[in-house]
Amino acid sequence: MKRKFACTFKGLKLALKHKAVAIQFVLGLMAIIGGLIIRLDHYEWLSFIICIAMVIAMEIMNTAIERLGDYLNEDQDERIGMIKDLSGAAVLVASLGALAVCICCVIRRLIS
């Protein structure tokens, strides 16, 4: 069990070395700081944490898929390109969902 967690943390460390993952992590931290400033309630915090985790997890998965595609075929391949585009789209969808939750929470705080 200890070895599995060691591999998991190694993967997280590797993921954070990738620019896209690091950017999402920084954006997540900024969202947390913003949440502290506007004093989110418990349910809003749950929403923020789930959204942040979802976006970072999707970005890590996207990075893994891109690396796998590059490993399988270094040349341009339309099929691998489509797979990479789809995984990138998944990150976009997760990010837009997280942004929508953030906007809803901020607007709610500004109105009340």
C-alpha atoms as a PDB file:
ATOM      1  CA  MET A   1       0.000   0.000   0.000  1.00  0.00           C
ATOM      2  CA  LYS A   2       2.818   2.379   0.888  1.00  0.00           C
ATOM      3  CA  ARG A   3       4.439   1.724  -2.491  1.00  0.00           C
ATOM      4  CA  LYS A   4       1.205   2.543  -4.350  1.00  0.00           C
ATOM      5  CA  PHE A   5       0.967   5.913  -2.609  1.00  0.00           C
ATOM      6  CA  ALA A   6       4.629   6.573  -3.390  1.00  0.00           C
ATOM      7  CA  CYS A   7       3.882   6.012  -7.096  1.00  0.00           C
ATOM      8  CA  THR A   8       0.811   8.213  -6.857  1.00  0.00           C
ATOM      9  CA  PHE A   9       2.750  11.094  -5.319  1.00  0.00           C
ATOM     10  CA  LYS A  10       5.490  10.590  -7.911  1.00  0.00           C
ATOM     11  CA  GLY A  11       2.817  10.978 -10.596  1.00  0.00           C
ATOM     12  CA  LEU A  12       1.503  14.146  -8.967  1.00  0.00           C
ATOM     13  CA  LYS A  13       5.021  15.561  -8.830  1.00  0.00           C
ATOM     14  CA  LEU A  14       5.507  14.726 -12.518  1.00  0.00           C
ATOM     15  CA  ALA A  15       2.145  16.265 -13.396  1.00  0.00           C
ATOM     16  CA  LEU A  16       2.984  19.542 -11.671  1.00  0.00           C
ATOM     17  CA  LYS A  17       6.078  19.851 -13.870  1.00  0.00           C
ATOM     18  CA  HIS A  18       3.810  20.271 -16.897  1.00  0.00           C
ATOM     19  CA  LYS A  19       2.850  23.859 -17.603  1.00  0.00           C
ATOM     20  CA  ALA A  20      -0.851  23.198 -18.225  1.00  0.00           C
ATOM     21  CA  VAL A  21      -1.264  21.280 -14.956  1.00  0.00           C
ATOM     22  CA  ALA A  22       0.708  23.888 -13.014  1.00  0.00           C
ATOM     23  CA  ILE A  23      -1.480  26.658 -14.451  1.00  0.00           C
ATOM     24  CA  GLN A  24      -4.669  24.836 -13.419  1.00  0.00           C
ATOM     25  CA  PHE A  25      -3.203  24.288  -9.953  1.00  0.00           C
ATOM     26  CA  VAL A  26      -2.409  28.025  -9.620  1.00  0.00           C
ATOM     27  CA  LEU A  27      -5.893  28.934 -10.854  1.00  0.00           C
ATOM     28  CA  GLY A  28      -7.327  26.555  -8.248  1.00  0.00           C
ATOM     29  CA  LEU A  29      -5.312  28.265  -5.520  1.00  0.00           C
ATOM     30  CA  MET A  30      -6.539  31.642  -6.758  1.00  0.00           C
ATOM     31  CA  ALA A  31     -10.120  30.375  -6.581  1.00  0.00           C
ATOM     32  CA  ILE A  32      -9.526  29.243  -2.995  1.00  0.00           C
ATOM     33  CA  ILE A  33      -8.123  32.668  -2.087  1.00  0.00           C
ATOM     34  CA  GLY A  34     -11.111  34.312  -3.759  1.00  0.00           C
ATOM     35  CA  GLY A  35     -13.434  31.999  -1.824  1.00  0.00           C
ATOM     36  CA  LEU A  36     -11.794  33.034   1.424  1.00  0.00           C
ATOM     37  CA  ILE A  37     -12.181  36.700   0.514  1.00  0.00           C
ATOM     38  CA  ILE A  38     -15.885  36.441  -0.304  1.00  0.00           C
ATOM     39  CA  ARG A  39     -16.494  34.031   2.595  1.00  0.00           C
ATOM     40  CA  LEU A  40     -18.087  31.075   0.875  1.00  0.00           C
ATOM     41  CA  ASP A  41     -20.525  28.950   2.846  1.00  0.00           C
ATOM     42  CA  HIS A  42     -20.089  25.195   3.338  1.00  0.00           C
ATOM     43  CA  TYR A  43     -21.972  24.163   0.188  1.00  0.00           C
ATOM     44  CA  GLU A  44     -20.140  26.706  -1.935  1.00  0.00           C
ATOM     45  CA  TRP A  45     -16.827  25.377  -0.610  1.00  0.00           C
ATOM     46  CA  LEU A  46     -17.875  21.853  -1.532  1.00  0.00           C
ATOM     47  CA  SER A  47     -18.707  23.056  -5.033  1.00  0.00           C
ATOM     48  CA  PHE A  48     -15.393  24.906  -5.359  1.00  0.00           C
ATOM     49  CA  ILE A  49     -13.334  21.955  -4.109  1.00  0.00           C
ATOM     50  CA  ILE A  50     -15.097  19.490  -6.410  1.00  0.00           C
ATOM     51  CA  CYS A  51     -14.656  21.815  -9.399  1.00  0.00           C
ATOM     52  CA  ILE A  52     -10.984  22.487  -8.669  1.00  0.00           C
ATOM     53  CA  ALA A  53     -10.250  18.792  -8.208  1.00  0.00           C
ATOM     54  CA  MET A  54     -12.194  17.910 -11.372  1.00  0.00           C
ATOM     55  CA  VAL A  55     -10.348  20.427 -13.553  1.00  0.00           C
ATOM     56  CA  ILE A  56      -6.902  19.461 -12.221  1.00  0.00           C
ATOM     57  CA  ALA A  57      -7.685  15.742 -12.581  1.00  0.00           C
ATOM     58  CA  MET A  58      -8.893  16.273 -16.155  1.00  0.00           C
ATOM     59  CA  GLU A  59      -5.754  18.252 -16.989  1.00  0.00           C
ATOM     60  CA  ILE A  60      -3.559  15.490 -15.564  1.00  0.00           C
ATOM     61  CA  MET A  61      -5.487  12.907 -17.593  1.00  0.00           C
ATOM     62  CA  ASN A  62      -5.170  15.083 -20.706  1.00  0.00           C
ATOM     63  CA  THR A  63      -1.415  15.332 -20.172  1.00  0.00           C
ATOM     64  CA  ALA A  64      -1.161  11.558 -19.750  1.00  0.00           C
ATOM     65  CA  ILE A  65      -3.156  10.947 -22.937  1.00  0.00           C
ATOM     66  CA  GLU A  66      -0.984  13.396 -24.879  1.00  0.00           C
ATOM     67  CA  ARG A  67       2.193  11.695 -23.604  1.00  0.00           C
ATOM     68  CA  LEU A  68       0.825   8.278 -24.503  1.00  0.00           C
ATOM     69  CA  GLY A  69      -0.079   9.456 -27.996  1.00  0.00           C
ATOM     70  CA  ASP A  70       3.412  10.884 -28.474  1.00  0.00           C
ATOM     71  CA  TYR A  71       4.924   7.629 -27.228  1.00  0.00           C
ATOM     72  CA  LEU A  72       2.840   5.480 -29.561  1.00  0.00           C
ATOM     73  CA  ASN A  73       3.524   7.557 -32.637  1.00  0.00           C
ATOM     74  CA  GLU A  74       5.988  10.430 -32.898  1.00  0.00           C
ATOM     75  CA  ASP A  75       4.738  11.315 -36.397  1.00  0.00           C
ATOM     76  CA  GLN A  76       1.566  13.251 -37.102  1.00  0.00           C
ATOM     77  CA  ASP A  77      -1.339  10.822 -36.962  1.00  0.00           C
ATOM     78  CA  GLU A  78      -4.899  11.995 -37.532  1.00  0.00           C
ATOM     79  CA  ARG A  79      -6.338   9.379 -35.151  1.00  0.00           C
ATOM     80  CA  ILE A  80      -4.004  10.300 -32.289  1.00  0.00           C
ATOM     81  CA  GLY A  81      -4.633  13.979 -33.030  1.00  0.00           C
ATOM     82  CA  MET A  82      -8.374  13.363 -32.655  1.00  0.00           C
ATOM     83  CA  ILE A  83      -7.834  11.582 -29.336  1.00  0.00           C
ATOM     84  CA  LYS A  84      -5.720  14.495 -28.075  1.00  0.00           C
ATOM     85  CA  ASP A  85      -8.363  16.977 -29.234  1.00  0.00           C
ATOM     86  CA  LEU A  86     -11.067  15.043 -27.396  1.00  0.00           C
ATOM     87  CA  SER A  87      -9.092  14.935 -24.155  1.00  0.00           C
ATOM     88  CA  GLY A  88      -8.408  18.664 -24.483  1.00  0.00           C
ATOM     89  CA  ALA A  89     -12.121  19.246 -25.005  1.00  0.00           C
ATOM     90  CA  ALA A  90     -12.818  17.343 -21.769  1.00  0.00           C
ATOM     91  CA  VAL A  91     -10.578  19.804 -19.915  1.00  0.00           C
ATOM     92  CA  LEU A  92     -12.400  22.707 -21.535  1.00  0.00           C
ATOM     93  CA  VAL A  93     -15.819  21.357 -20.527  1.00  0.00           C
ATOM     94  CA  ALA A  94     -14.641  20.810 -16.931  1.00  0.00           C
ATOM     95  CA  SER A  95     -13.125  24.305 -16.839  1.00  0.00           C
ATOM     96  CA  LEU A  96     -16.276  25.956 -18.184  1.00  0.00           C
ATOM     97  CA  GLY A  97     -18.368  24.084 -15.621  1.00  0.00           C
ATOM     98  CA  ALA A  98     -16.049  25.223 -12.843  1.00  0.00           C
ATOM     99  CA  LEU A  99     -16.201  28.796 -14.134  1.00  0.00           C
ATOM    100  CA  ALA A 100     -20.005  28.670 -14.134  1.00  0.00           C
ATOM    101  CA  VAL A 101     -20.028  27.500 -10.499  1.00  0.00           C
ATOM    102  CA  CYS A 102     -17.572  30.250  -9.571  1.00  0.00           C
ATOM    103  CA  ILE A 103     -19.643  32.923 -11.307  1.00  0.00           C
ATOM    104  CA  CYS A 104     -22.827  31.716  -9.593  1.00  0.00           C
ATOM    105  CA  CYS A 105     -21.165  31.840  -6.165  1.00  0.00           C
ATOM    106  CA  VAL A 106     -19.657  35.281  -6.739  1.00  0.00           C
ATOM    107  CA  ILE A 107     -22.903  36.750  -8.085  1.00  0.00           C
ATOM    108  CA  ARG A 108     -24.796  35.282  -5.133  1.00  0.00           C
ATOM    109  CA  ARG A 109     -22.348  36.972  -2.741  1.00  0.00           C
ATOM    110  CA  LEU A 110     -22.541  40.306  -4.554  1.00  0.00           C
ATOM    111  CA  ILE A 111     -26.350  40.312  -4.517  1.00  0.00           C
ATOM    112  CA  SER A 112     -26.719  39.403  -0.835  1.00  0.00           C
END
